[in-house]
Structures are given as C-alpha cells and as structure tokens.
Amino acid sequence: MAVPGFPNMFMMMGPHSPIGSQSLIPVAEDQAEYALWWIKQIAQGNVIEAVPTSAATKDYDDAMKAAMPQTIWVSGCSSWYLGKDGLPERFPRTPERHSAVLRHPDLRDFEVRTSAE
C-alpha cells in the first residue's frame, strides 16, 4: 500500500491486494482503515511524513514470493495473475491474515519524520 520514495502516499488495490478467497470489498475496507490510521497520525501532528524503507519493502515482497509455492495459485494453471517470474502478485495467505497485517502498521518498517526539519 506504500512505496519507498513516495512519502504519505497510500494506494489501494495495488500489488498483493487481491485475495483469491475474498471479495475486494473487505480488502478495500482494510486498506482504507490502514491509510486512515496514517492520515490520523498526520492530522494529529504525530507524524509529518512516513515512507516505507526499501529494506522492509524487499523483505515483504520476498516473504510473499516465498509463501506462494504452498498455494493453489502456482499449481500449474495459467492466469493473468502470474508475473514474468511465474508467481502471482496476490496476497498468498488467508483474509484474516491480511486484515491482521494491516490492522497495526509496524513503525519499524517506515522512515517517519515527526517534526519539520
């Protein structure tokens, strides 16, 4: 939902957003709550700027790819979900896990500026 180099930008329905076993509506709701958490931090003056670190983003992407071989999504079927590497850009875990991941941002994964410099 956030990309290194783009502070305070949160996108919905980006990579890893589709969950094959869930409607996009609850996914969007979870993502909106996540973005609103950050927006509230900014509005309350707790945060000026937040951007995920490149290391955290790489770790997250690597974890998603590592989890994919245990899923049905790489069982040999062709689909538009598959990237050039043969792995889909989907969230490979349960809807409950997706909600939990977004429920509480891990501040260690972000560069956060808390005052005007």
Protein backbone atom coordinates (compact mmCIF):
# COMPACT_ATOMS: atom_id res chain seq x y z
CA MET A 1 0.00 0.00 0.00
CA ALA A 2 3.02 2.28 0.38
CA VAL A 3 6.12 2.60 -1.76
CA PRO A 4 9.66 3.69 -0.88
CA GLY A 5 10.41 7.17 -2.18
CA PHE A 6 6.78 8.33 -2.03
CA PRO A 7 6.08 9.69 1.45
CA ASN A 8 2.47 9.86 2.65
CA MET A 9 1.20 8.08 -0.46
CA PHE A 10 -1.04 5.09 0.12
CA MET A 11 -2.55 3.15 -2.75
CA MET A 12 -5.39 0.72 -2.68
CA MET A 13 -5.69 -2.47 -4.69
CA GLY A 14 -2.01 -2.47 -5.58
CA PRO A 15 0.31 -5.49 -5.75
CA HIS A 16 -0.58 -8.33 -3.36
CA SER A 17 -4.05 -6.85 -2.83
CA PRO A 18 -6.25 -9.42 -4.46
CA ILE A 19 -7.01 -12.35 -2.21
CA GLY A 20 -8.44 -15.21 -4.22
CA SER A 21 -10.75 -16.34 -1.46
CA GLN A 22 -12.26 -12.96 -0.60
CA SER A 23 -14.20 -10.15 -2.21
CA LEU A 24 -12.30 -6.96 -2.96
CA ILE A 25 -14.75 -5.02 -0.76
CA PRO A 26 -13.36 -6.16 2.62
CA VAL A 27 -9.82 -5.87 1.22
CA ALA A 28 -10.54 -2.25 0.30
CA GLU A 29 -12.06 -1.64 3.73
CA ASP A 30 -8.96 -2.98 5.47
CA GLN A 31 -6.73 -0.90 3.24
CA ALA A 32 -8.81 2.23 3.83
CA GLU A 33 -8.52 1.71 7.60
CA TYR A 34 -4.75 1.36 7.23
CA ALA A 35 -4.45 4.58 5.24
CA LEU A 36 -6.78 6.36 7.67
CA TRP A 37 -4.56 5.34 10.58
CA TRP A 38 -1.67 7.16 8.94
CA ILE A 39 -3.86 10.12 7.95
CA LYS A 40 -5.00 10.47 11.58
CA GLN A 41 -1.38 10.44 12.75
CA ILE A 42 -0.59 13.24 10.31
CA ALA A 43 -3.74 15.23 11.17
CA GLN A 44 -2.97 14.99 14.90
CA GLY A 45 0.58 16.24 14.33
CA ASN A 46 2.20 12.98 15.46
CA VAL A 47 3.70 12.37 12.03
CA ILE A 48 4.78 14.77 9.31
CA GLU A 49 5.94 12.21 6.81
CA ALA A 50 6.01 8.42 6.59
CA VAL A 51 7.55 6.24 3.92
CA PRO A 52 8.34 2.52 4.00
CA THR A 53 12.01 1.60 3.91
CA SER A 54 13.40 -0.16 0.86
CA ALA A 55 14.61 -2.99 3.12
CA ALA A 56 11.17 -3.54 4.66
CA THR A 57 9.55 -3.48 1.24
CA LYS A 58 12.02 -6.03 -0.12
CA ASP A 59 11.54 -8.25 2.93
CA TYR A 60 7.75 -8.10 2.49
CA ASP A 61 7.94 -8.89 -1.24
CA ASP A 62 10.37 -11.76 -0.58
CA ALA A 63 8.04 -13.17 2.09
CA MET A 64 5.09 -13.02 -0.31
CA LYS A 65 7.06 -14.85 -3.01
CA ALA A 66 8.34 -17.45 -0.54
CA ALA A 67 4.79 -18.20 0.63
CA MET A 68 3.42 -18.61 -2.89
CA PRO A 69 4.66 -22.17 -3.67
CA GLN A 70 2.42 -23.55 -0.92
CA THR A 71 -0.70 -22.12 -2.59
CA ILE A 72 -3.07 -23.25 -5.32
CA TRP A 73 -2.09 -20.19 -7.36
CA VAL A 74 1.10 -21.88 -8.59
CA SER A 75 -0.33 -25.34 -9.25
CA GLY A 76 0.28 -25.19 -12.99
CA CYS A 77 -2.72 -23.21 -14.17
CA SER A 78 -2.30 -20.25 -16.45
CA SER A 79 -3.79 -17.00 -15.27
CA TRP A 80 -3.47 -13.27 -15.66
CA TYR A 81 -2.25 -13.15 -12.05
CA LEU A 82 1.11 -14.65 -12.99
CA GLY A 83 4.09 -12.35 -13.43
CA LYS A 84 7.18 -12.91 -15.57
CA ASP A 85 8.68 -14.98 -12.75
CA GLY A 86 5.68 -17.34 -12.81
CA LEU A 87 4.45 -16.14 -9.42
CA PRO A 88 1.21 -14.24 -8.93
CA GLU A 89 1.02 -10.75 -7.45
CA ARG A 90 -1.54 -11.78 -4.85
CA PHE A 91 -1.62 -11.98 -1.11
CA PRO A 92 -0.83 -15.68 -0.54
CA ARG A 93 -2.40 -16.04 2.89
CA THR A 94 -5.87 -16.00 4.41
CA PRO A 95 -8.20 -13.00 4.51
CA GLU A 96 -7.85 -12.98 8.31
CA ARG A 97 -4.06 -12.71 8.00
CA HIS A 98 -4.42 -9.85 5.50
CA SER A 99 -6.63 -7.96 7.96
CA ALA A 100 -4.16 -8.60 10.78
CA VAL A 101 -1.20 -7.36 8.73
CA LEU A 102 -2.98 -4.08 8.02
CA ARG A 103 -4.52 -3.63 11.47
CA HIS A 104 -1.36 -2.25 13.11
CA PRO A 105 1.37 -0.67 10.97
CA ASP A 106 4.83 -1.78 12.10
CA LEU A 107 6.62 1.53 12.54
CA ARG A 108 10.00 -0.22 12.30
CA ASP A 109 9.24 -0.68 8.59
CA PHE A 110 8.92 3.08 8.00
CA GLU A 111 11.06 6.15 7.98
CA VAL A 112 8.90 8.51 10.00
CA ARG A 113 9.54 12.23 10.32
CA THR A 114 7.80 13.68 13.34
CA SER A 115 8.80 17.34 13.13
CA ALA A 116 9.55 19.94 10.50
CA GLU A 117 13.27 19.93 9.78
